[in-house]
Amino acid sequence: MTDRFSSRLYLVVSEDACEGRDLVSVTEMAVKGGVDLVQIREKHRDFTSFQSITKRLKEMLDQYAVPLIVNDDLAVAMSCHASGIHVGNSDIQPAEVKKQWHDSIMLGYSIEYEEQLSNEQIQYADYLGISPVFDTKTKTDTVTTWGLHGIAKIRSLTKKPLIAIGNIHAGNAYDVIRAGADCLAVVAAICKAANPEQAAAELRNQIEKAL
């Protein structure tokens, strides 16, 4: 893990994932439980509404000194002074992000197949999102389900921080960290939990045990 990336529990939050509860409130509870990095992912909002909820979320997170990452939307990320952006294969390329946003702090890039590790775009990424580790209903347009073996394989091929995502929960968090992930990204296990703070705390506990 590099000095500039020390997070261990990464919440990926959206209005849909929160199932009617306020996105900012759910996230705050999760932060109190141990989440130390947040990504907002809203694929279907227009610029104005995406920017509005992102500003609300950032205002709350700033009180806890928790960085905010915006999924895919560079205009929203820059206008809200987010800590960074996360992109996938079908989004704006990492090189273009760096060209347009010189002072971005953190750039995440999703790895969906092993050959991507030789892609020139890798050099621009501050961390790699290994997606998905296990099959998940949250994201269905995936190429590879990595499993624990896949995490270990990628760990052997790169020194970049690895963020594991895809049906991560307290029951498998320990094993995913031990397989080589630096940080766990979680959606449903926190957003859909009756008590997001407790769910985050349980995940954080498993991470700490594995380190």
C-alpha atoms as a PDB file:
ATOM      1  CA  MET A   1       0.000   0.000   0.000  1.00  0.00           C
ATOM      2  CA  THR A   2       1.356   3.404  -0.871  1.00  0.00           C
ATOM      3  CA  ASP A   3       1.430   6.315   1.578  1.00  0.00           C
ATOM      4  CA  ARG A   4      -1.173   8.139  -0.491  1.00  0.00           C
ATOM      5  CA  PHE A   5      -3.589   5.202  -0.312  1.00  0.00           C
ATOM      6  CA  SER A   6      -4.113   3.776   3.146  1.00  0.00           C
ATOM      7  CA  SER A   7      -7.860   3.087   3.204  1.00  0.00           C
ATOM      8  CA  ARG A   8      -9.138  -0.342   4.177  1.00  0.00           C
ATOM      9  CA  LEU A   9     -12.946  -0.183   3.938  1.00  0.00           C
ATOM     10  CA  TYR A  10     -14.418   1.501   0.868  1.00  0.00           C
ATOM     11  CA  LEU A  11     -18.152   2.147   0.592  1.00  0.00           C
ATOM     12  CA  VAL A  12     -19.692   2.376  -2.872  1.00  0.00           C
ATOM     13  CA  VAL A  13     -22.994   4.139  -2.358  1.00  0.00           C
ATOM     14  CA  SER A  14     -25.953   5.032  -4.550  1.00  0.00           C
ATOM     15  CA  GLU A  15     -29.545   6.062  -4.049  1.00  0.00           C
ATOM     16  CA  ASP A  16     -30.784   2.716  -5.383  1.00  0.00           C
ATOM     17  CA  ALA A  17     -28.523   0.736  -3.062  1.00  0.00           C
ATOM     18  CA  CYS A  18     -29.890   2.588  -0.033  1.00  0.00           C
ATOM     19  CA  GLU A  19     -33.422   1.440  -0.909  1.00  0.00           C
ATOM     20  CA  GLY A  20     -35.286   4.606   0.028  1.00  0.00           C
ATOM     21  CA  ARG A  21     -33.096   5.716   2.910  1.00  0.00           C
ATOM     22  CA  ASP A  22     -31.182   8.968   2.650  1.00  0.00           C
ATOM     23  CA  LEU A  23     -27.852   8.306   0.950  1.00  0.00           C
ATOM     24  CA  VAL A  24     -25.965  10.810   3.114  1.00  0.00           C
ATOM     25  CA  SER A  25     -27.396   9.437   6.370  1.00  0.00           C
ATOM     26  CA  VAL A  26     -26.579   5.838   5.449  1.00  0.00           C
ATOM     27  CA  THR A  27     -23.047   6.859   4.524  1.00  0.00           C
ATOM     28  CA  GLU A  28     -22.540   8.742   7.781  1.00  0.00           C
ATOM     29  CA  MET A  29     -23.565   5.702   9.777  1.00  0.00           C
ATOM     30  CA  ALA A  30     -21.136   3.591   7.759  1.00  0.00           C
ATOM     31  CA  VAL A  31     -18.308   6.051   8.386  1.00  0.00           C
ATOM     32  CA  LYS A  32     -18.982   5.883  12.119  1.00  0.00           C
ATOM     33  CA  GLY A  33     -18.612   2.115  11.814  1.00  0.00           C
ATOM     34  CA  GLY A  34     -15.234   2.227  10.094  1.00  0.00           C
ATOM     35  CA  VAL A  35     -15.609   3.159   6.420  1.00  0.00           C
ATOM     36  CA  ASP A  36     -12.621   5.336   5.479  1.00  0.00           C
ATOM     37  CA  LEU A  37     -13.217   5.937   1.756  1.00  0.00           C
ATOM     38  CA  VAL A  38     -16.478   6.535  -0.131  1.00  0.00           C
ATOM     39  CA  GLN A  39     -17.415   6.374  -3.801  1.00  0.00           C
ATOM     40  CA  ILE A  40     -20.705   7.776  -5.066  1.00  0.00           C
ATOM     41  CA  ARG A  41     -22.051   5.884  -8.061  1.00  0.00           C
ATOM     42  CA  GLU A  42     -25.100   7.336  -9.820  1.00  0.00           C
ATOM     43  CA  LYS A  43     -25.270   6.165 -13.416  1.00  0.00           C
ATOM     44  CA  HIS A  44     -28.721   7.535 -14.184  1.00  0.00           C
ATOM     45  CA  ARG A  45     -28.724  11.048 -12.707  1.00  0.00           C
ATOM     46  CA  ASP A  46     -28.305  14.151 -14.832  1.00  0.00           C
ATOM     47  CA  PHE A  47     -25.427  16.517 -14.087  1.00  0.00           C
ATOM     48  CA  THR A  48     -27.386  18.889 -11.845  1.00  0.00           C
ATOM     49  CA  SER A  49     -28.909  16.245  -9.568  1.00  0.00           C
ATOM     50  CA  PHE A  50     -25.658  14.220  -9.444  1.00  0.00           C
ATOM     51  CA  GLN A  51     -23.706  17.339  -8.525  1.00  0.00           C
ATOM     52  CA  SER A  52     -26.245  18.277  -5.857  1.00  0.00           C
ATOM     53  CA  ILE A  53     -26.148  14.950  -4.000  1.00  0.00           C
ATOM     54  CA  THR A  54     -22.370  14.754  -4.374  1.00  0.00           C
ATOM     55  CA  LYS A  55     -21.937  18.159  -2.740  1.00  0.00           C
ATOM     56  CA  ARG A  56     -24.196  17.106   0.139  1.00  0.00           C
ATOM     57  CA  LEU A  57     -22.229  13.919   0.600  1.00  0.00           C
ATOM     58  CA  LYS A  58     -18.861  15.657   0.460  1.00  0.00           C
ATOM     59  CA  GLU A  59     -19.921  18.256   3.000  1.00  0.00           C
ATOM     60  CA  MET A  60     -20.721  15.483   5.476  1.00  0.00           C
ATOM     61  CA  LEU A  61     -17.583  13.442   4.706  1.00  0.00           C
ATOM     62  CA  ASP A  62     -15.337  16.464   5.123  1.00  0.00           C
ATOM     63  CA  GLN A  63     -16.409  16.583   8.766  1.00  0.00           C
ATOM     64  CA  TYR A  64     -14.878  13.128   9.222  1.00  0.00           C
ATOM     65  CA  ALA A  65     -11.879  13.706   6.917  1.00  0.00           C
ATOM     66  CA  VAL A  66     -13.064  10.833   4.690  1.00  0.00           C
ATOM     67  CA  PRO A  67     -12.181  11.181   0.975  1.00  0.00           C
ATOM     68  CA  LEU A  68     -14.904  11.086  -1.673  1.00  0.00           C
ATOM     69  CA  ILE A  69     -14.479   9.396  -5.053  1.00  0.00           C
ATOM     70  CA  VAL A  70     -16.931   9.994  -7.922  1.00  0.00           C
ATOM     71  CA  ASN A  71     -17.724   7.121 -10.266  1.00  0.00           C
ATOM     72  CA  ASP A  72     -17.152   7.885 -13.947  1.00  0.00           C
ATOM     73  CA  ASP A  73     -18.388  11.506 -14.107  1.00  0.00           C
ATOM     74  CA  LEU A  74     -15.338  13.769 -14.428  1.00  0.00           C
ATOM     75  CA  ALA A  75     -17.380  16.987 -14.588  1.00  0.00           C
ATOM     76  CA  VAL A  76     -19.107  16.223 -11.299  1.00  0.00           C
ATOM     77  CA  ALA A  77     -15.870  15.122  -9.634  1.00  0.00           C
ATOM     78  CA  MET A  78     -14.063  18.308 -10.611  1.00  0.00           C
ATOM     79  CA  SER A  79     -16.923  20.701  -9.861  1.00  0.00           C
ATOM     80  CA  CYS A  80     -17.412  19.215  -6.384  1.00  0.00           C
ATOM     81  CA  HIS A  81     -13.675  19.136  -5.607  1.00  0.00           C
ATOM     82  CA  ALA A  82     -13.810  15.413  -4.921  1.00  0.00           C
ATOM     83  CA  SER A  83     -10.676  13.523  -3.924  1.00  0.00           C
ATOM     84  CA  GLY A  84     -10.731  11.530  -7.127  1.00  0.00           C
ATOM     85  CA  ILE A  85     -12.592   9.484  -9.701  1.00  0.00           C
ATOM     86  CA  HIS A  86     -13.069   5.804 -10.485  1.00  0.00           C
ATOM     87  CA  VAL A  87     -13.380   4.642 -14.091  1.00  0.00           C
ATOM     88  CA  GLY A  88     -13.937   1.363 -15.906  1.00  0.00           C
ATOM     89  CA  ASN A  89     -13.287   0.062 -19.407  1.00  0.00           C
ATOM     90  CA  SER A  90     -16.300   1.786 -20.935  1.00  0.00           C
ATOM     91  CA  ASP A  91     -15.660   5.129 -19.210  1.00  0.00           C
ATOM     92  CA  ILE A  92     -13.212   7.967 -19.871  1.00  0.00           C
ATOM     93  CA  GLN A  93      -9.662   6.573 -19.990  1.00  0.00           C
ATOM     94  CA  PRO A  94      -7.277   7.197 -17.062  1.00  0.00           C
ATOM     95  CA  ALA A  95      -4.810   9.047 -19.320  1.00  0.00           C
ATOM     96  CA  GLU A  96      -7.545  11.478 -20.349  1.00  0.00           C
ATOM     97  CA  VAL A  97      -8.560  11.996 -16.712  1.00  0.00           C
ATOM     98  CA  LYS A  98      -4.995  12.968 -15.816  1.00  0.00           C
ATOM     99  CA  LYS A  99      -4.853  15.279 -18.818  1.00  0.00           C
ATOM    100  CA  GLN A 100      -8.029  17.124 -17.877  1.00  0.00           C
ATOM    101  CA  TRP A 101      -7.724  17.004 -14.083  1.00  0.00           C
ATOM    102  CA  HIS A 102      -4.123  17.656 -13.147  1.00  0.00           C
ATOM    103  CA  ASP A 103      -4.706  17.990  -9.420  1.00  0.00           C
ATOM    104  CA  SER A 104      -6.809  14.851  -8.931  1.00  0.00           C
ATOM    105  CA  ILE A 105      -5.643  13.079  -5.797  1.00  0.00           C
ATOM    106  CA  MET A 106      -6.839   9.561  -6.528  1.00  0.00           C
ATOM    107  CA  LEU A 107      -7.636   7.699  -9.749  1.00  0.00           C
ATOM    108  CA  GLY A 108      -9.129   4.221  -9.598  1.00  0.00           C
ATOM    109  CA  TYR A 109      -9.326   1.852 -12.568  1.00  0.00           C
ATOM    110  CA  SER A 110     -11.391  -1.339 -12.759  1.00  0.00           C
ATOM    111  CA  ILE A 111      -9.623  -4.534 -13.807  1.00  0.00           C
ATOM    112  CA  GLU A 112     -11.979  -7.027 -15.414  1.00  0.00           C
ATOM    113  CA  TYR A 113      -9.495  -9.316 -17.150  1.00  0.00           C
ATOM    114  CA  GLU A 114      -5.815 -10.132 -16.636  1.00  0.00           C
ATOM    115  CA  GLU A 115      -4.621  -8.698 -19.945  1.00  0.00           C
ATOM    116  CA  GLN A 116      -5.525  -5.200 -18.715  1.00  0.00           C
ATOM    117  CA  LEU A 117      -2.459  -5.269 -16.503  1.00  0.00           C
ATOM    118  CA  SER A 118      -0.310  -4.737 -19.604  1.00  0.00           C
ATOM    119  CA  ASN A 119      -2.512  -1.864 -20.829  1.00  0.00           C
ATOM    120  CA  GLU A 120      -0.732   1.494 -20.871  1.00  0.00           C
ATOM    121  CA  GLN A 121      -3.667   2.992 -18.936  1.00  0.00           C
ATOM    122  CA  ILE A 122      -2.562   1.106 -15.816  1.00  0.00           C
ATOM    123  CA  GLN A 123       0.333   3.488 -15.227  1.00  0.00           C
ATOM    124  CA  TYR A 124      -2.081   6.360 -14.552  1.00  0.00           C
ATOM    125  CA  ALA A 125      -4.073   4.516 -11.890  1.00  0.00           C
ATOM    126  CA  ASP A 126      -3.446   5.055  -8.190  1.00  0.00           C
ATOM    127  CA  TYR A 127      -5.326   1.879  -7.326  1.00  0.00           C
ATOM    128  CA  LEU A 128      -6.913  -1.015  -9.184  1.00  0.00           C
ATOM    129  CA  GLY A 129     -10.477  -2.173  -8.585  1.00  0.00           C
ATOM    130  CA  ILE A 130     -10.684  -5.972  -8.894  1.00  0.00           C
ATOM    131  CA  SER A 131     -14.235  -6.484 -10.098  1.00  0.00           C
ATOM    132  CA  PRO A 132     -16.093  -8.621  -9.262  1.00  0.00           C
ATOM    133  CA  VAL A 133     -14.457 -10.980  -6.769  1.00  0.00           C
ATOM    134  CA  PHE A 134     -17.676 -12.934  -6.349  1.00  0.00           C
ATOM    135  CA  ASP A 135     -20.873 -12.846  -8.414  1.00  0.00           C
ATOM    136  CA  THR A 136     -23.124  -9.971  -7.444  1.00  0.00           C
ATOM    137  CA  LYS A 137     -26.522  -8.567  -8.430  1.00  0.00           C
ATOM    138  CA  THR A 138     -25.124  -5.041  -8.055  1.00  0.00           C
ATOM    139  CA  LYS A 139     -23.113  -5.268 -11.267  1.00  0.00           C
ATOM    140  CA  THR A 140     -24.060  -7.713 -14.026  1.00  0.00           C
ATOM    141  CA  ASP A 141     -22.085  -6.436 -17.044  1.00  0.00           C
ATOM    142  CA  THR A 142     -18.871  -8.131 -15.936  1.00  0.00           C
ATOM    143  CA  VAL A 143     -16.210 -10.151 -17.765  1.00  0.00           C
ATOM    144  CA  THR A 144     -14.433 -12.154 -15.066  1.00  0.00           C
ATOM    145  CA  THR A 145     -15.448 -13.397 -11.628  1.00  0.00           C
ATOM    146  CA  TRP A 146     -12.040 -13.389  -9.959  1.00  0.00           C
ATOM    147  CA  GLY A 147     -12.465 -15.406  -6.789  1.00  0.00           C
ATOM    148  CA  LEU A 148      -9.713 -15.608  -4.183  1.00  0.00           C
ATOM    149  CA  HIS A 149      -7.308 -17.237  -6.639  1.00  0.00           C
ATOM    150  CA  GLY A 150      -7.748 -14.335  -9.045  1.00  0.00           C
ATOM    151  CA  ILE A 151      -6.906 -11.787  -6.368  1.00  0.00           C
ATOM    152  CA  ALA A 152      -3.759 -13.713  -5.479  1.00  0.00           C
ATOM    153  CA  LYS A 153      -2.773 -13.874  -9.138  1.00  0.00           C
ATOM    154  CA  ILE A 154      -3.164 -10.132  -9.697  1.00  0.00           C
ATOM    155  CA  ARG A 155      -1.342  -9.441  -6.446  1.00  0.00           C
ATOM    156  CA  SER A 156       1.634 -11.344  -7.855  1.00  0.00           C
ATOM    157  CA  LEU A 157       1.597  -9.244 -11.043  1.00  0.00           C
ATOM    158  CA  THR A 158       1.389  -5.675  -9.702  1.00  0.00           C
ATOM    159  CA  LYS A 159       2.473  -3.554  -6.756  1.00  0.00           C
ATOM    160  CA  LYS A 160      -0.445  -1.164  -7.115  1.00  0.00           C
ATOM    161  CA  PRO A 161      -3.048  -1.111  -4.323  1.00  0.00           C
ATOM    162  CA  LEU A 162      -5.850  -3.600  -4.989  1.00  0.00           C
ATOM    163  CA  ILE A 163      -9.447  -2.854  -4.054  1.00  0.00           C
ATOM    164  CA  ALA A 164     -11.653  -5.942  -4.095  1.00  0.00           C
ATOM    165  CA  ILE A 165     -15.348  -5.523  -4.901  1.00  0.00           C
ATOM    166  CA  GLY A 166     -18.217  -7.879  -5.654  1.00  0.00           C
ATOM    167  CA  ASN A 167     -20.395  -9.541  -2.982  1.00  0.00           C
ATOM    168  CA  ILE A 168     -17.959  -8.739  -0.175  1.00  0.00           C
ATOM    169  CA  HIS A 169     -19.381  -9.183   3.333  1.00  0.00           C
ATOM    170  CA  ALA A 170     -18.273  -9.987   6.871  1.00  0.00           C
ATOM    171  CA  GLY A 171     -18.293 -13.702   6.117  1.00  0.00           C
ATOM    172  CA  ASN A 172     -15.637 -13.525   3.393  1.00  0.00           C
ATOM    173  CA  ALA A 173     -13.796 -10.274   4.183  1.00  0.00           C
ATOM    174  CA  TYR A 174     -10.977 -11.996   6.088  1.00  0.00           C
ATOM    175  CA  ASP A 175     -10.229 -14.384   3.217  1.00  0.00           C
ATOM    176  CA  VAL A 176     -10.271 -11.620   0.591  1.00  0.00           C
ATOM    177  CA  ILE A 177      -7.701  -9.567   2.494  1.00  0.00           C
ATOM    178  CA  ARG A 178      -5.534 -12.622   3.086  1.00  0.00           C
ATOM    179  CA  ALA A 179      -5.674 -13.383  -0.642  1.00  0.00           C
ATOM    180  CA  GLY A 180      -3.934 -10.089  -1.373  1.00  0.00           C
ATOM    181  CA  ALA A 181      -6.456  -7.247  -1.424  1.00  0.00           C
ATOM    182  CA  ASP A 182      -5.399  -4.029   0.291  1.00  0.00           C
ATOM    183  CA  CYS A 183      -8.922  -2.724   0.776  1.00  0.00           C
ATOM    184  CA  LEU A 184     -12.498  -3.987   0.483  1.00  0.00           C
ATOM    185  CA  ALA A 185     -15.179  -2.137  -1.451  1.00  0.00           C
ATOM    186  CA  VAL A 186     -18.705  -2.874  -0.277  1.00  0.00           C
ATOM    187  CA  VAL A 187     -22.179  -2.008  -1.525  1.00  0.00           C
ATOM    188  CA  ALA A 188     -25.079  -4.174  -0.356  1.00  0.00           C
ATOM    189  CA  ALA A 189     -23.538  -5.511   2.860  1.00  0.00           C
ATOM    190  CA  ILE A 190     -23.579  -1.958   4.227  1.00  0.00           C
ATOM    191  CA  CYS A 191     -26.164  -0.021   2.193  1.00  0.00           C
ATOM    192  CA  LYS A 192     -28.887  -2.632   2.631  1.00  0.00           C
ATOM    193  CA  ALA A 193     -28.031  -3.465   6.249  1.00  0.00           C
ATOM    194  CA  ALA A 194     -30.593  -2.634   8.932  1.00  0.00           C
ATOM    195  CA  ASN A 195     -27.727  -1.021  10.855  1.00  0.00           C
ATOM    196  CA  PRO A 196     -25.056   0.307   8.448  1.00  0.00           C
ATOM    197  CA  GLU A 197     -22.792   1.352  11.327  1.00  0.00           C
ATOM    198  CA  GLN A 198     -22.775  -2.131  12.819  1.00  0.00           C
ATOM    199  CA  ALA A 199     -22.317  -3.750   9.400  1.00  0.00           C
ATOM    200  CA  ALA A 200     -19.306  -1.550   8.694  1.00  0.00           C
ATOM    201  CA  ALA A 201     -17.844  -2.272  12.121  1.00  0.00           C
ATOM    202  CA  GLU A 202     -18.139  -6.030  11.556  1.00  0.00           C
ATOM    203  CA  LEU A 203     -16.395  -5.734   8.202  1.00  0.00           C
ATOM    204  CA  ARG A 204     -13.686  -3.527   9.659  1.00  0.00           C
ATOM    205  CA  ASN A 205     -13.102  -6.048  12.420  1.00  0.00           C
ATOM    206  CA  GLN A 206     -12.556  -8.857   9.902  1.00  0.00           C
ATOM    207  CA  ILE A 207     -10.150  -6.666   7.912  1.00  0.00           C
ATOM    208  CA  GLU A 208      -8.090  -5.847  10.988  1.00  0.00           C
ATOM    209  CA  LYS A 209      -7.925  -9.532  11.909  1.00  0.00           C
ATOM    210  CA  ALA A 210      -6.579 -10.360   8.450  1.00  0.00           C
ATOM    211  CA  LEU A 211      -3.814  -7.745   8.381  1.00  0.00           C
END
